[in-house]
Amino acid sequence: MMYCAASTTYTDKPSKSTYRLAFPPPMLSLDPQSSTPLVMQIVDGFRTAIQDGSLRTGSKVPSIRQLAHAHDVSVFTVVDAYDRLVALGYFQSRPHSGFFVKQRPASAVEVPGHGPNFSFDSMWYLRRIFENRALRMKPGWGWLPGDWLFQEGVRRSLRSLAADNVDLGGYGEPKGYPPLRLIVRDLLAEQEIAVTSEQVLLTHGSSQAMDLVSRRLVRPGDAVLVDDPGYPNLLFSLRFLGARLFGVPRTPAGYDLLALERLVIAHQPKVFFTQPRLQSPTGSVAQLAHLHKVMQLADKHDFLVVENDIYADLDPEPRPSLASLDQLSRVIYVSSFSKTISPNIRVGYLAANPDLLEDLAQLKMISGLTSSEFSERLAHGALIDGRWRKHLRGLRERLASSHELAAMRLLQIGFEIFTEPKAGVFLWARHPAIPNAAELAYKAAEQDILLGPGHLFSPGLEPSAWLRFNVAFCDDPVIFAFLEAQCRTT
């Protein structure tokens, strides 16, 4: 294996001296004592070498482990650096071959953020979440710890399926397992949303539900309203579809209603994707007056509303929803059991008016035939378990206690909290000494801490001082010691 640096070729051998010959100062020289994070030192070193021609297009660079060994840094540090270089367009990853210097067009521009060296996009974050489960501290995580979920209920359901010798041949019903759709119908009736089971479509988690709706409703160039800040997966999906995104600012009471009306009048959106209840990332809950205003604008300006209500089961208060006000005339309702039973079984659902529901069911079949009846049977067994509602009550109480503790710790070290819902999963907070949370997130990664910087939740990917905290993962004092130290030294 050969590596090219400048005009000289070097043989790859397992010694540090060889690697340093391939990347001599000033091409790549790391200083552990520098205030610049090691990740950024690696990124800057490669960027400079590529821009000044020392590393040519097509040159293969050392593997992640080779570079980590050569410079005595962690593999995770090099993974982060290489991911950023790929995102910035300097590196190209080739399966089974490694990383190569990529040819960059003259018009190439950097991703907006902290100067020309910055890149922290939603796909990077998703990869880090799923590839680094071994991270010890996860306050930026998006779901609940495994031991908080209804694991025993799932195990009992699994044993019941095995004992019943269920026939798992075939693909199942296109709309999903009928007994589970009946349960969803009854759960929606408890929220004063009147539907038949034929208006319920089971999906592979709420993510598939949102994807189906997006692909059915959105075409390139369509104006689409979204929460600002909002749900990263959805924002990325809508950008991919070519939508023009317009962020509706969230407030502790729900929405900036004046901004919402201005955006509607100016852009005549086709659809508004929103999460009124226990919103991610802010934790805010939209007041009833705000829900009425959304529906008034939707009726007047003829747009649809997609209500993401995946945290409804975590809310201790009975509240109206957009769907209950509208009865699915203009609203498409999306929810999931993944947040409370198990994210691993991936069972979500949507409810809509009959005509639109049939279109979505057909699109589901075109893209993936049916969802997993096995997973849906597991969820059904858990939901009819006599301990299910007791589990929900205990989960809500546990989250309320975690909210109190996390908020207290954040306030003690000088953070401002957007709102304190004392329910749901998230707190949205910022510190006056931290102008850009993404930079803090990179430093946290070096300390085995996964944070959720506000940049990821912005429709325009703008830099942000805000951070999303998952209260269920905020029980380790090391997290707050790290944050306090960073706030003092910044």
Protein backbone atom coordinates (compact mmCIF):
# COMPACT_ATOMS: atom_id res chain seq x y z
CA MET A 1 0.00 0.00 0.00
CA MET A 2 1.39 3.41 -1.01
CA TYR A 3 0.61 6.94 0.10
CA CYS A 4 1.48 10.08 -1.84
CA ALA A 5 2.44 13.28 -0.07
CA ALA A 6 3.51 16.20 -2.23
CA SER A 7 5.55 14.69 -5.09
CA THR A 8 7.12 11.92 -3.02
CA THR A 9 5.76 8.39 -2.52
CA TYR A 10 6.17 6.67 0.82
CA THR A 11 5.69 3.03 1.67
CA ASP A 12 3.17 2.26 4.39
CA LYS A 13 4.95 0.57 7.29
CA PRO A 14 3.73 0.15 10.85
CA SER A 15 6.08 2.67 12.42
CA LYS A 16 5.31 6.14 13.64
CA SER A 17 8.35 7.59 11.92
CA THR A 18 7.15 6.43 8.51
CA TYR A 19 3.74 8.04 9.00
CA ARG A 20 5.34 11.30 10.06
CA LEU A 21 7.50 11.27 6.93
CA ALA A 22 4.31 10.98 4.92
CA PHE A 23 2.83 13.92 6.80
CA PRO A 24 5.73 16.12 7.93
CA PRO A 25 5.21 19.50 9.53
CA PRO A 26 3.65 21.77 8.56
CA MET A 27 1.44 19.32 6.67
CA LEU A 28 0.20 17.59 9.83
CA SER A 29 1.62 18.48 13.21
CA LEU A 30 -0.52 17.97 16.29
CA ASP A 31 -0.09 19.78 19.58
CA PRO A 32 -2.04 18.17 22.45
CA GLN A 33 -1.43 21.30 24.57
CA SER A 34 -3.04 23.64 22.04
CA SER A 35 -6.40 25.24 22.77
CA THR A 36 -7.49 24.11 19.29
CA PRO A 37 -9.13 20.66 19.57
CA LEU A 38 -7.13 17.81 18.05
CA VAL A 39 -9.98 17.11 15.64
CA MET A 40 -9.70 20.61 14.20
CA GLN A 41 -5.91 20.38 14.06
CA ILE A 42 -6.20 17.29 11.85
CA VAL A 43 -8.87 18.92 9.67
CA ASP A 44 -6.83 22.12 9.30
CA GLY A 45 -3.64 20.19 8.53
CA PHE A 46 -5.21 18.21 5.71
CA ARG A 47 -7.09 21.23 4.34
CA THR A 48 -3.88 23.25 4.15
CA ALA A 49 -1.97 20.40 2.52
CA ILE A 50 -4.68 19.90 -0.09
CA GLN A 51 -5.14 23.59 -0.82
CA ASP A 52 -1.42 24.29 -1.27
CA GLY A 53 -0.94 21.21 -3.45
CA SER A 54 1.14 19.20 -1.01
CA LEU A 55 -1.51 16.48 -1.20
CA ARG A 56 -2.78 15.92 -4.72
CA THR A 57 -6.19 14.84 -5.92
CA GLY A 58 -6.47 11.05 -5.81
CA SER A 59 -3.84 10.57 -3.13
CA LYS A 60 -4.72 7.93 -0.57
CA VAL A 61 -4.43 9.04 3.03
CA PRO A 62 -3.61 6.83 6.01
CA SER A 63 -6.38 4.74 7.48
CA ILE A 64 -8.09 5.93 10.63
CA ARG A 65 -6.18 3.51 12.83
CA GLN A 66 -2.84 4.27 11.17
CA LEU A 67 -3.20 8.00 11.71
CA ALA A 68 -4.40 7.48 15.29
CA HIS A 69 -1.37 5.28 16.00
CA ALA A 70 1.07 7.62 14.28
CA HIS A 71 0.01 10.65 16.31
CA ASP A 72 -1.00 8.88 19.51
CA VAL A 73 -4.61 10.11 19.39
CA SER A 74 -7.88 8.25 19.79
CA VAL A 75 -9.51 6.49 16.87
CA PHE A 76 -12.68 8.45 17.63
CA THR A 77 -10.78 11.73 17.12
CA VAL A 78 -9.61 10.65 13.66
CA VAL A 79 -13.08 9.34 12.74
CA ASP A 80 -14.51 12.76 13.56
CA ALA A 81 -11.81 14.56 11.58
CA TYR A 82 -12.17 12.33 8.52
CA ASP A 83 -15.97 12.65 8.60
CA ARG A 84 -15.65 16.42 8.59
CA LEU A 85 -13.18 16.34 5.72
CA VAL A 86 -15.62 14.18 3.75
CA ALA A 87 -18.49 16.57 4.57
CA LEU A 88 -16.36 19.55 3.52
CA GLY A 89 -15.53 17.89 0.21
CA TYR A 90 -11.80 17.34 0.80
CA PHE A 91 -11.91 13.56 1.26
CA GLN A 92 -13.78 10.80 -0.50
CA SER A 93 -14.54 7.50 1.21
CA ARG A 94 -14.33 4.41 -1.01
CA PRO A 95 -15.80 1.17 0.39
CA HIS A 96 -13.12 -1.36 1.33
CA SER A 97 -10.38 0.97 0.04
CA GLY A 98 -10.15 3.84 2.49
CA PHE A 99 -10.04 7.63 2.16
CA PHE A 100 -8.71 9.58 -0.83
CA VAL A 101 -8.17 13.25 -1.60
CA LYS A 102 -11.18 14.42 -3.58
CA GLN A 103 -11.12 16.79 -6.53
CA ARG A 104 -12.94 19.91 -5.46
CA PRO A 105 -14.63 22.26 -7.95
CA ALA A 106 -13.35 25.81 -8.01
CA SER A 107 -16.74 27.03 -6.81
CA ALA A 108 -16.80 24.76 -3.77
CA VAL A 109 -17.87 26.50 -0.59
CA GLU A 110 -17.70 25.43 3.01
CA VAL A 111 -20.69 24.43 5.07
CA PRO A 112 -21.97 27.43 7.06
CA GLY A 113 -20.78 27.48 10.62
CA HIS A 114 -17.75 28.40 12.66
CA GLY A 115 -15.54 29.79 9.88
CA PRO A 116 -14.30 27.84 6.86
CA ASN A 117 -13.19 24.84 8.90
CA PHE A 118 -16.57 24.00 10.38
CA SER A 119 -18.86 21.13 9.45
CA PHE A 120 -21.43 19.47 11.70
CA ASP A 121 -24.41 18.33 9.65
CA SER A 122 -27.39 16.19 10.56
CA MET A 123 -26.16 13.12 8.72
CA TRP A 124 -22.83 13.31 10.56
CA TYR A 125 -24.77 13.39 13.81
CA LEU A 126 -26.96 10.44 12.83
CA ARG A 127 -23.91 8.37 11.92
CA ARG A 128 -22.21 9.23 15.19
CA ILE A 129 -25.29 8.20 17.16
CA PHE A 130 -25.57 4.80 15.53
CA GLU A 131 -21.84 4.08 15.18
CA ASN A 132 -20.78 5.10 18.67
CA ARG A 133 -23.12 3.33 21.03
CA ALA A 134 -20.13 2.77 23.32
CA LEU A 135 -19.99 6.45 24.27
CA ARG A 136 -20.37 6.45 28.01
CA MET A 137 -22.34 9.69 28.42
CA LYS A 138 -25.19 10.55 26.06
CA PRO A 139 -27.00 13.75 27.11
CA GLY A 140 -27.55 14.52 23.40
CA TRP A 141 -29.20 11.13 22.74
CA GLY A 142 -32.65 11.08 21.12
CA TRP A 143 -34.41 8.29 23.00
CA LEU A 144 -34.77 6.77 26.44
CA PRO A 145 -32.38 4.34 28.16
CA GLY A 146 -33.21 0.70 27.57
CA ASP A 147 -34.03 0.01 31.20
CA TRP A 148 -36.63 2.81 31.16
CA LEU A 149 -38.62 1.11 28.40
CA PHE A 150 -41.24 -1.63 28.57
CA GLN A 151 -38.71 -4.42 28.13
CA GLU A 152 -40.54 -6.92 30.33
CA GLY A 153 -43.74 -6.33 28.41
CA VAL A 154 -41.93 -7.00 25.13
CA ARG A 155 -40.41 -10.19 26.55
CA ARG A 156 -43.81 -11.42 27.72
CA SER A 157 -45.25 -10.62 24.31
CA LEU A 158 -42.41 -12.48 22.63
CA ARG A 159 -42.95 -15.55 24.82
CA SER A 160 -46.66 -15.44 24.01
CA LEU A 161 -45.97 -15.33 20.28
CA ALA A 162 -43.63 -18.31 20.60
CA ALA A 163 -46.16 -20.28 22.65
CA ASP A 164 -48.97 -19.58 20.18
CA ASN A 165 -46.85 -20.87 17.30
CA VAL A 166 -47.85 -17.86 15.18
CA ASP A 167 -47.61 -18.32 11.42
CA LEU A 168 -45.18 -15.65 10.24
CA GLY A 169 -45.30 -16.60 6.57
CA GLY A 170 -46.32 -14.00 4.00
CA TYR A 171 -46.13 -10.24 4.18
CA GLY A 172 -49.03 -9.30 6.40
CA GLU A 173 -51.72 -6.69 5.80
CA PRO A 174 -50.72 -3.64 3.72
CA LYS A 175 -52.08 -1.25 6.34
CA GLY A 176 -50.60 -3.24 9.20
CA TYR A 177 -51.70 -5.81 11.77
CA PRO A 178 -55.50 -5.30 12.18
CA PRO A 179 -55.73 -5.86 15.98
CA LEU A 180 -53.04 -3.21 16.53
CA ARG A 181 -54.87 -0.78 14.25
CA LEU A 182 -57.96 -1.28 16.41
CA ILE A 183 -55.93 -0.40 19.51
CA VAL A 184 -54.62 2.73 17.77
CA ARG A 185 -58.22 3.67 16.92
CA ASP A 186 -59.17 3.36 20.59
CA LEU A 187 -56.11 5.30 21.76
CA LEU A 188 -56.97 8.12 19.38
CA ALA A 189 -60.57 8.09 20.62
CA GLU A 190 -59.22 8.73 24.14
CA GLN A 191 -57.65 11.89 22.67
CA GLU A 192 -61.01 12.82 21.07
CA ILE A 193 -59.80 11.99 17.55
CA ALA A 194 -62.56 9.99 15.87
CA VAL A 195 -61.26 7.51 13.27
CA THR A 196 -61.98 4.04 11.99
CA SER A 197 -59.25 1.43 11.87
CA GLU A 198 -59.27 1.87 8.07
CA GLN A 199 -57.93 5.39 8.62
CA VAL A 200 -54.89 4.02 10.47
CA LEU A 201 -51.69 3.02 8.67
CA LEU A 202 -48.98 1.21 10.63
CA THR A 203 -45.43 2.11 9.65
CA HIS A 204 -41.81 1.21 10.34
CA GLY A 205 -41.55 3.78 13.11
CA SER A 206 -42.64 7.40 12.92
CA SER A 207 -39.71 8.10 10.61
CA GLN A 208 -41.30 6.02 7.84
CA ALA A 209 -44.63 7.70 8.50
CA MET A 210 -43.07 11.15 8.07
CA ASP A 211 -41.19 9.99 4.99
CA LEU A 212 -44.33 8.64 3.33
CA VAL A 213 -46.21 11.86 4.02
CA SER A 214 -43.30 13.99 2.78
CA ARG A 215 -43.00 12.06 -0.47
CA ARG A 216 -46.75 12.17 -1.03
CA LEU A 217 -47.16 15.90 -0.37
CA VAL A 218 -43.89 17.63 -1.26
CA ARG A 219 -42.41 18.33 -4.69
CA PRO A 220 -39.16 20.17 -5.53
CA GLY A 221 -39.59 23.90 -5.02
CA ASP A 222 -42.64 23.64 -2.76
CA ALA A 223 -42.76 26.03 0.18
CA VAL A 224 -42.93 24.05 3.41
CA LEU A 225 -43.23 25.34 6.97
CA VAL A 226 -41.34 23.58 9.76
CA ASP A 227 -40.66 24.21 13.42
CA ASP A 228 -37.58 26.32 14.14
CA PRO A 229 -35.79 24.65 15.82
CA GLY A 230 -37.15 21.36 14.59
CA TYR A 231 -36.65 17.65 14.03
CA PRO A 232 -33.31 16.95 12.23
CA ASN A 233 -34.40 13.77 10.41
CA LEU A 234 -37.42 15.51 8.94
CA LEU A 235 -35.46 18.62 7.97
CA PHE A 236 -32.86 16.53 6.17
CA SER A 237 -35.57 14.52 4.36
CA LEU A 238 -37.38 17.66 3.20
CA ARG A 239 -34.15 19.22 1.95
CA PHE A 240 -33.46 16.02 0.04
CA LEU A 241 -36.88 16.29 -1.62
CA GLY A 242 -36.05 19.83 -2.76
CA ALA A 243 -38.49 21.68 -0.52
CA ARG A 244 -37.97 25.34 0.33
CA LEU A 245 -37.98 25.31 4.12
CA PHE A 246 -39.31 28.22 6.18
CA GLY A 247 -38.87 27.96 9.93
CA VAL A 248 -41.68 28.99 12.27
CA PRO A 249 -39.99 30.18 15.48
CA ARG A 250 -40.93 28.21 18.57
CA THR A 251 -41.74 29.99 21.82
CA PRO A 252 -42.27 28.53 25.29
CA ALA A 253 -46.02 28.87 24.64
CA GLY A 254 -45.87 27.23 21.21
CA TYR A 255 -45.33 29.45 18.15
CA ASP A 256 -44.42 33.02 17.27
CA LEU A 257 -47.88 33.61 15.82
CA LEU A 258 -47.03 36.88 14.09
CA ALA A 259 -44.06 35.25 12.35
CA LEU A 260 -46.23 32.26 11.42
CA GLU A 261 -48.86 34.45 9.78
CA ARG A 262 -46.23 36.48 7.91
CA LEU A 263 -44.63 33.31 6.56
CA VAL A 264 -47.97 31.90 5.46
CA ILE A 265 -48.97 35.09 3.63
CA ALA A 266 -45.56 35.56 2.02
CA HIS A 267 -44.92 31.99 0.86
CA GLN A 268 -48.32 30.26 0.63
CA PRO A 269 -46.97 26.95 1.94
CA LYS A 270 -48.25 23.59 0.83
CA VAL A 271 -47.86 21.98 4.23
CA PHE A 272 -46.76 22.72 7.79
CA PHE A 273 -44.83 19.96 9.61
CA THR A 274 -45.02 20.59 13.33
CA GLN A 275 -44.74 18.98 16.76
CA PRO A 276 -47.05 20.90 19.12
CA ARG A 277 -46.61 18.70 22.21
CA LEU A 278 -43.31 18.21 24.14
CA GLN A 279 -41.47 19.30 21.04
CA SER A 280 -37.99 18.14 20.14
CA PRO A 281 -35.68 19.89 20.82
CA THR A 282 -37.29 22.64 22.93
CA GLY A 283 -39.69 20.62 25.09
CA SER A 284 -42.32 23.31 24.52
CA VAL A 285 -46.07 22.65 24.43
CA ALA A 286 -48.32 24.74 22.18
CA GLN A 287 -51.25 26.34 24.01
CA LEU A 288 -54.81 25.78 22.82
CA ALA A 289 -55.05 29.31 21.38
CA HIS A 290 -51.95 28.61 19.29
CA LEU A 291 -53.46 25.39 17.94
CA HIS A 292 -56.63 27.23 16.96
CA LYS A 293 -54.57 29.88 15.14
CA VAL A 294 -52.67 27.24 13.17
CA MET A 295 -55.91 25.66 11.99
CA GLN A 296 -57.48 29.04 11.15
CA LEU A 297 -54.51 29.87 8.94
CA ALA A 298 -54.58 26.39 7.37
CA ASP A 299 -58.26 26.80 6.47
CA LYS A 300 -57.85 30.34 5.18
CA HIS A 301 -54.72 29.70 3.11
CA ASP A 302 -55.45 26.11 2.11
CA PHE A 303 -52.47 24.15 3.42
CA LEU A 304 -52.19 20.80 5.18
CA VAL A 305 -50.75 20.22 8.63
CA VAL A 306 -48.69 17.19 9.64
CA GLU A 307 -48.80 16.76 13.41
CA ASN A 308 -45.92 14.79 14.91
CA ASP A 309 -47.18 13.64 18.31
CA ILE A 310 -44.64 10.94 19.18
CA TYR A 311 -44.38 12.03 22.83
CA ALA A 312 -48.12 11.97 23.57
CA ASP A 313 -47.74 8.94 25.85
CA LEU A 314 -45.18 10.83 27.96
CA ASP A 315 -47.50 13.74 28.65
CA PRO A 316 -49.19 13.48 32.08
CA GLU A 317 -51.76 16.13 31.08
CA PRO A 318 -54.71 15.45 28.75
CA ARG A 319 -54.40 18.08 26.03
CA PRO A 320 -56.13 18.87 22.75
CA SER A 321 -54.19 18.25 19.58
CA LEU A 322 -54.41 19.73 16.12
CA ALA A 323 -55.98 16.46 15.00
CA SER A 324 -58.67 16.64 17.70
CA LEU A 325 -59.58 20.19 16.63
CA ASP A 326 -59.62 19.34 12.94
CA GLN A 327 -60.75 15.68 13.01
CA LEU A 328 -58.29 14.85 10.22
CA SER A 329 -59.80 17.13 7.62
CA ARG A 330 -56.54 19.01 7.06
CA VAL A 331 -54.36 17.32 9.67
CA ILE A 332 -52.32 14.15 9.24
CA TYR A 333 -51.52 12.67 12.64
CA VAL A 334 -48.25 10.79 13.22
CA SER A 335 -47.17 8.94 16.36
CA SER A 336 -45.17 5.94 17.51
CA PHE A 337 -44.72 3.25 20.15
CA SER A 338 -40.94 3.28 19.75
CA LYS A 339 -40.42 5.96 22.39
CA THR A 340 -42.16 4.05 25.18
CA ILE A 341 -42.08 0.33 24.30
CA SER A 342 -38.79 0.00 22.42
CA PRO A 343 -37.13 1.87 19.54
CA ASN A 344 -35.83 -1.47 18.31
CA ILE A 345 -39.22 -2.86 17.29
CA ARG A 346 -39.86 0.21 15.09
CA VAL A 347 -43.65 0.48 15.18
CA GLY A 348 -45.26 3.80 14.32
CA TYR A 349 -48.51 4.88 12.74
CA LEU A 350 -50.33 7.69 11.00
CA ALA A 351 -53.98 8.62 10.70
CA ALA A 352 -55.50 10.72 7.93
CA ASN A 353 -58.67 11.30 5.96
CA PRO A 354 -59.71 8.19 3.99
CA ASP A 355 -58.63 9.32 0.52
CA LEU A 356 -55.19 10.47 1.59
CA LEU A 357 -54.74 7.40 3.78
CA GLU A 358 -55.30 5.13 0.76
CA ASP A 359 -52.66 7.06 -1.20
CA LEU A 360 -50.19 6.70 1.66
CA ALA A 361 -50.93 2.98 1.99
CA GLN A 362 -50.25 2.51 -1.71
CA LEU A 363 -47.00 4.45 -1.44
CA LYS A 364 -46.00 2.26 1.51
CA MET A 365 -46.55 -0.85 -0.61
CA ILE A 366 -44.60 0.59 -3.54
CA SER A 367 -41.62 1.49 -1.39
CA GLY A 368 -41.52 -1.52 0.96
CA LEU A 369 -44.58 -3.75 0.56
CA THR A 370 -45.71 -4.04 4.18
CA SER A 371 -44.33 -3.21 7.58
CA SER A 372 -43.21 -6.00 9.91
CA GLU A 373 -46.21 -7.92 11.24
CA PHE A 374 -43.89 -9.61 13.72
CA SER A 375 -42.93 -6.26 15.25
CA GLU A 376 -46.55 -5.14 15.18
CA ARG A 377 -47.64 -8.31 16.99
CA LEU A 378 -44.94 -7.68 19.59
CA ALA A 379 -46.20 -4.14 20.14
CA HIS A 380 -49.79 -5.38 20.30
CA GLY A 381 -48.89 -7.92 22.97
CA ALA A 382 -47.14 -5.23 25.02
CA LEU A 383 -50.08 -2.83 24.75
CA ILE A 384 -52.64 -5.38 25.95
CA ASP A 385 -50.36 -6.34 28.84
CA GLY A 386 -52.04 -5.41 32.12
CA ARG A 387 -48.88 -3.63 33.26
CA TRP A 388 -48.71 -1.22 30.29
CA ARG A 389 -50.54 1.73 31.82
CA LYS A 390 -48.69 1.31 35.09
CA HIS A 391 -45.43 1.42 33.11
CA LEU A 392 -46.51 4.70 31.48
CA ARG A 393 -47.36 6.27 34.84
CA GLY A 394 -44.00 5.24 36.26
CA LEU A 395 -42.17 6.51 33.18
CA ARG A 396 -43.83 9.92 33.40
CA GLU A 397 -42.94 10.21 37.09
CA ARG A 398 -39.35 9.21 36.41
CA LEU A 399 -39.05 11.80 33.64
CA ALA A 400 -40.54 14.52 35.85
CA SER A 401 -37.88 13.81 38.51
CA SER A 402 -35.13 13.81 35.89
CA HIS A 403 -36.36 17.14 34.54
CA GLU A 404 -36.13 18.69 37.99
CA LEU A 405 -32.59 17.41 38.54
CA ALA A 406 -31.24 18.30 35.10
CA ALA A 407 -32.77 21.79 35.17
CA MET A 408 -31.35 22.46 38.63
CA ARG A 409 -27.85 21.41 37.55
CA LEU A 410 -27.96 23.49 34.38
CA LEU A 411 -29.22 26.57 36.21
CA GLN A 412 -26.52 26.18 38.86
CA ILE A 413 -23.77 26.56 36.26
CA GLY A 414 -25.41 29.53 34.57
CA PHE A 415 -27.46 28.02 31.74
CA GLU A 416 -30.64 29.64 30.49
CA ILE A 417 -33.48 27.14 29.95
CA PHE A 418 -35.96 27.79 27.16
CA THR A 419 -38.89 26.28 29.05
CA GLU A 420 -39.32 23.72 31.84
CA PRO A 421 -42.13 21.36 30.81
CA LYS A 422 -41.32 18.83 33.58
CA ALA A 423 -42.46 16.18 31.14
CA GLY A 424 -41.21 14.56 27.98
CA VAL A 425 -37.57 13.94 27.21
CA PHE A 426 -35.81 17.21 26.44
CA LEU A 427 -34.55 20.51 27.82
CA TRP A 428 -33.30 23.25 25.49
CA ALA A 429 -30.63 25.40 27.09
CA ARG A 430 -27.75 27.79 26.37
CA HIS A 431 -24.95 29.47 28.27
CA PRO A 432 -23.84 33.09 27.70
CA ALA A 433 -20.20 31.98 27.56
CA ILE A 434 -20.86 29.50 24.71
CA PRO A 435 -21.73 31.36 21.48
CA ASN A 436 -21.48 28.26 19.25
CA ALA A 437 -22.64 24.96 20.72
CA ALA A 438 -21.16 22.91 17.88
CA GLU A 439 -17.62 23.74 18.98
CA LEU A 440 -18.53 22.63 22.50
CA ALA A 441 -19.99 19.40 21.09
CA TYR A 442 -16.69 18.54 19.41
CA LYS A 443 -14.81 19.11 22.65
CA ALA A 444 -17.36 16.98 24.49
CA ALA A 445 -16.83 14.12 22.03
CA GLU A 446 -13.17 14.10 23.04
CA GLN A 447 -14.35 13.45 26.60
CA ASP A 448 -16.70 10.60 25.65
CA ILE A 449 -19.79 12.84 25.84
CA LEU A 450 -22.37 13.11 23.05
CA LEU A 451 -24.08 16.52 22.98
CA GLY A 452 -26.86 17.80 20.74
CA PRO A 453 -25.81 21.24 19.40
CA GLY A 454 -28.55 23.57 18.21
CA HIS A 455 -27.09 23.87 14.73
CA LEU A 456 -28.50 20.44 13.90
CA PHE A 457 -32.07 21.50 14.64
CA SER A 458 -32.02 24.64 12.51
CA PRO A 459 -33.87 24.59 9.15
CA GLY A 460 -31.00 26.64 7.69
CA LEU A 461 -28.21 24.89 9.64
CA GLU A 462 -27.24 28.23 11.20
CA PRO A 463 -24.77 28.25 14.11
CA SER A 464 -26.53 28.23 17.46
CA ALA A 465 -25.70 28.65 21.12
CA TRP A 466 -28.48 26.26 22.14
CA LEU A 467 -28.07 22.61 23.19
CA ARG A 468 -30.63 19.84 23.48
CA PHE A 469 -30.38 17.81 26.68
CA ASN A 470 -32.05 14.43 27.16
CA VAL A 471 -32.92 14.50 30.85
CA ALA A 472 -32.86 10.70 31.10
CA PHE A 473 -29.13 10.77 30.32
CA CYS A 474 -28.22 13.70 32.57
CA ASP A 475 -27.54 11.78 35.77
CA ASP A 476 -23.74 11.68 35.50
CA PRO A 477 -22.00 14.54 37.39
CA VAL A 478 -19.09 14.30 34.94
CA ILE A 479 -21.29 15.89 32.25
CA PHE A 480 -21.94 18.98 34.33
CA ALA A 481 -18.36 19.19 35.54
CA PHE A 482 -17.29 19.26 31.88
CA LEU A 483 -19.88 21.93 31.00
CA GLU A 484 -18.95 24.08 33.98
CA ALA A 485 -15.23 23.88 33.11
CA GLN A 486 -15.91 24.84 29.48
CA CYS A 487 -18.11 27.76 30.51
CA ARG A 488 -15.34 29.08 32.77
CA THR A 489 -12.57 28.80 30.17
CA THR A 490 -14.47 30.01 27.10
